[in-house]
């Protein structure tokens, strides 16, 4: 099944349970799908760096796990190519905890015979998302002072993968 657009999931919603009228028992999401994001830290974390940059979300939004992975890959590729493999540190600061559900609608011939519509429309888990507040940091990149321009470009490329506008904050590392 194809992936729905980000606009279907970007609004923050509180997770809820379904209570059956016949049986007074709560029904929870059964099983959490595997996350696409593989690594949260890349590069050399032991080294001392001069400058760090953050990608900061402007609005409250849900960011799906595959968008986080796409942003990580975009930033990591750029930094690998223009800074060097062991000359930076990249970290994803948010974690996709929230389980997304989808009430799939049947299509095709004879779909009306077995479709329940919105009755018991709790949905099946289809993915996970990170719930982000305004001004929350999403990504962090650390490099030497001479490579400050590369931080900005890597974070700009990563921000294109998110369903919110982001700003880039650059600051010197505390000693």
Protein backbone atom coordinates (compact mmCIF):
# COMPACT_ATOMS: atom_id res chain seq x y z
CA UNK A 1 0.00 0.00 0.00
CA UNK A 2 1.29 3.50 -0.84
CA UNK A 3 2.35 5.99 1.78
CA UNK A 4 -0.17 8.71 2.56
CA UNK A 5 1.01 12.34 2.30
CA UNK A 6 2.53 14.04 5.36
CA UNK A 7 -0.49 16.36 5.67
CA UNK A 8 -2.52 13.38 6.90
CA UNK A 9 -0.33 12.98 9.98
CA UNK A 10 1.40 16.30 10.74
CA UNK A 11 -1.29 17.63 13.12
CA UNK A 12 -0.54 16.64 16.72
CA UNK A 13 -3.23 14.37 18.10
CA UNK A 14 -3.42 12.77 21.50
CA UNK A 15 -3.27 8.97 21.34
CA UNK A 16 -6.55 7.43 22.40
CA UNK A 17 -8.11 4.08 23.19
CA UNK A 18 -11.33 2.60 21.95
CA UNK A 19 -13.94 1.34 24.44
CA UNK A 20 -16.42 -1.20 23.18
CA UNK A 21 -20.07 -0.73 24.22
CA UNK A 22 -20.77 -4.46 24.29
CA UNK A 23 -17.67 -5.43 26.25
CA UNK A 24 -16.45 -2.75 28.69
CA UNK A 25 -12.83 -3.37 27.78
CA UNK A 26 -10.30 -0.91 26.38
CA UNK A 27 -8.67 -1.68 23.07
CA UNK A 28 -5.12 -0.45 22.55
CA UNK A 29 -2.86 -0.36 19.51
CA UNK A 30 -1.51 -3.88 19.08
CA UNK A 31 2.11 -3.87 17.96
CA UNK A 32 4.32 -1.00 16.95
CA UNK A 33 5.72 -0.98 13.40
CA UNK A 34 9.50 -1.01 12.97
CA UNK A 35 11.12 2.41 12.69
CA UNK A 36 12.90 3.34 9.47
CA UNK A 37 15.43 5.50 11.28
CA UNK A 38 18.46 3.31 11.90
CA UNK A 39 21.11 5.45 13.60
CA UNK A 40 20.68 8.52 15.75
CA UNK A 41 24.38 9.48 15.99
CA UNK A 42 26.90 9.63 13.13
CA UNK A 43 30.49 10.79 12.87
CA UNK A 44 33.12 11.19 15.57
CA UNK A 45 31.56 11.92 18.97
CA UNK A 46 34.82 11.83 20.96
CA UNK A 47 36.53 14.69 19.13
CA UNK A 48 36.50 18.33 20.33
CA UNK A 49 34.62 20.73 18.03
CA UNK A 50 34.43 24.54 17.91
CA UNK A 51 30.95 25.15 16.47
CA UNK A 52 27.59 23.41 16.69
CA UNK A 53 24.43 24.00 14.71
CA UNK A 54 20.84 23.07 15.44
CA UNK A 55 17.80 22.64 13.23
CA UNK A 56 14.87 24.09 15.19
CA UNK A 57 11.18 23.49 14.37
CA UNK A 58 8.98 26.62 14.12
CA UNK A 59 5.57 24.99 14.74
CA UNK A 60 4.07 22.13 16.71
CA UNK A 61 3.98 19.16 14.34
CA UNK A 62 4.32 15.40 14.05
CA UNK A 63 7.33 14.24 12.02
CA UNK A 64 7.12 10.69 10.66
CA UNK A 65 9.99 8.25 11.12
CA UNK A 66 10.71 8.09 7.40
CA UNK A 67 11.02 11.91 7.22
CA UNK A 68 13.52 11.80 10.11
CA UNK A 69 15.51 9.12 8.28
CA UNK A 70 15.43 11.09 5.01
CA UNK A 71 16.70 14.22 6.78
CA UNK A 72 19.45 12.26 8.53
CA UNK A 73 20.60 10.70 5.26
CA UNK A 74 20.57 14.04 3.41
CA UNK A 75 22.61 15.83 6.09
CA UNK A 76 24.99 12.89 6.57
CA UNK A 77 25.71 12.57 2.83
CA UNK A 78 26.50 16.25 2.49
CA UNK A 79 28.75 16.29 5.56
CA UNK A 80 30.57 13.11 4.44
CA UNK A 81 31.32 14.64 1.07
CA UNK A 82 32.29 18.20 2.04
CA UNK A 83 33.62 17.93 5.62
CA UNK A 84 35.10 14.42 5.75
CA UNK A 85 34.05 11.19 7.43
CA UNK A 86 35.67 11.82 10.82
CA UNK A 87 35.47 15.62 10.93
CA UNK A 88 31.89 16.08 12.15
CA UNK A 89 29.28 14.77 14.56
CA UNK A 90 25.57 14.56 13.61
CA UNK A 91 22.81 13.64 16.05
CA UNK A 92 19.04 13.25 15.63
CA UNK A 93 17.54 14.73 18.80
CA UNK A 94 13.90 13.59 18.53
CA UNK A 95 12.56 10.04 18.78
CA UNK A 96 9.41 8.75 17.02
CA UNK A 97 7.32 7.38 19.92
CA UNK A 98 3.79 8.15 18.70
CA UNK A 99 2.08 5.29 16.80
CA UNK A 100 0.19 6.40 13.68
CA UNK A 101 -2.96 4.52 12.69
CA UNK A 102 -4.86 4.28 9.44
CA UNK A 103 -8.40 3.15 8.76
CA UNK A 104 -7.83 1.74 5.29
CA UNK A 105 -10.79 2.08 2.94
CA UNK A 106 -11.36 -0.81 0.52
CA UNK A 107 -11.55 -0.01 -3.18
CA UNK A 108 -12.43 -2.00 -6.24
CA UNK A 109 -15.28 -4.29 -7.23
CA UNK A 110 -17.37 -5.59 -4.36
CA UNK A 111 -15.73 -3.34 -1.77
CA UNK A 112 -19.11 -2.11 -0.50
CA UNK A 113 -20.05 -5.61 0.67
CA UNK A 114 -17.36 -5.94 3.31
CA UNK A 115 -16.46 -2.32 4.09
CA UNK A 116 -17.53 -1.04 7.53
CA UNK A 117 -16.89 2.66 6.78
CA UNK A 118 -16.34 4.71 9.92
CA UNK A 119 -17.86 2.14 12.27
CA UNK A 120 -15.12 1.01 14.70
CA UNK A 121 -12.62 3.12 12.76
CA UNK A 122 -9.75 2.71 15.22
CA UNK A 123 -7.27 1.86 12.46
CA UNK A 124 -4.22 -0.34 12.16
CA UNK A 125 -0.73 0.90 13.04
CA UNK A 126 1.10 2.09 9.92
CA UNK A 127 4.13 3.92 11.33
CA UNK A 128 5.52 6.11 14.09
CA UNK A 129 6.06 9.84 14.49
CA UNK A 130 7.91 12.24 16.75
CA UNK A 131 5.68 14.87 18.33
CA UNK A 132 7.57 18.17 18.17
CA UNK A 133 6.84 21.42 20.01
CA UNK A 134 7.61 24.91 18.64
CA UNK A 135 11.29 25.87 19.08
CA UNK A 136 12.31 22.26 19.74
CA UNK A 137 15.68 21.16 18.39
CA UNK A 138 15.51 18.37 15.79
CA UNK A 139 19.10 17.85 14.62
CA UNK A 140 22.52 18.81 15.96
CA UNK A 141 25.75 19.07 13.93
CA UNK A 142 29.23 19.76 15.35
CA UNK A 143 32.28 20.78 13.25
CA UNK A 144 35.39 22.99 13.37
CA UNK A 145 35.07 26.76 12.94
CA UNK A 146 36.33 26.69 9.33
CA UNK A 147 33.44 24.42 8.24
CA UNK A 148 30.57 26.55 9.55
CA UNK A 149 29.16 27.09 6.04
CA UNK A 150 28.84 23.31 5.58
CA UNK A 151 26.71 23.05 8.74
CA UNK A 152 24.23 25.56 7.34
CA UNK A 153 23.96 23.79 3.99
CA UNK A 154 23.60 20.32 5.55
CA UNK A 155 20.85 21.52 7.90
CA UNK A 156 19.11 23.39 5.06
CA UNK A 157 18.99 20.17 3.04
CA UNK A 158 17.66 18.25 6.04
CA UNK A 159 14.94 20.86 6.74
CA UNK A 160 13.46 20.27 3.28
CA UNK A 161 12.44 16.77 4.43
CA UNK A 162 10.29 17.99 7.34
CA UNK A 163 6.59 19.05 7.19
CA UNK A 164 7.32 22.31 9.06
CA UNK A 165 9.41 25.39 8.54
CA UNK A 166 12.71 25.23 10.41
CA UNK A 167 15.38 27.70 11.35
CA UNK A 168 19.09 27.08 11.70
CA UNK A 169 20.86 28.17 14.90
CA UNK A 170 24.69 28.28 14.98
CA UNK A 171 26.57 28.71 18.26
CA UNK A 172 30.06 28.24 19.63
CA UNK A 173 30.77 25.16 21.71
CA UNK A 174 31.12 25.77 25.46
CA UNK A 175 34.54 24.82 26.79
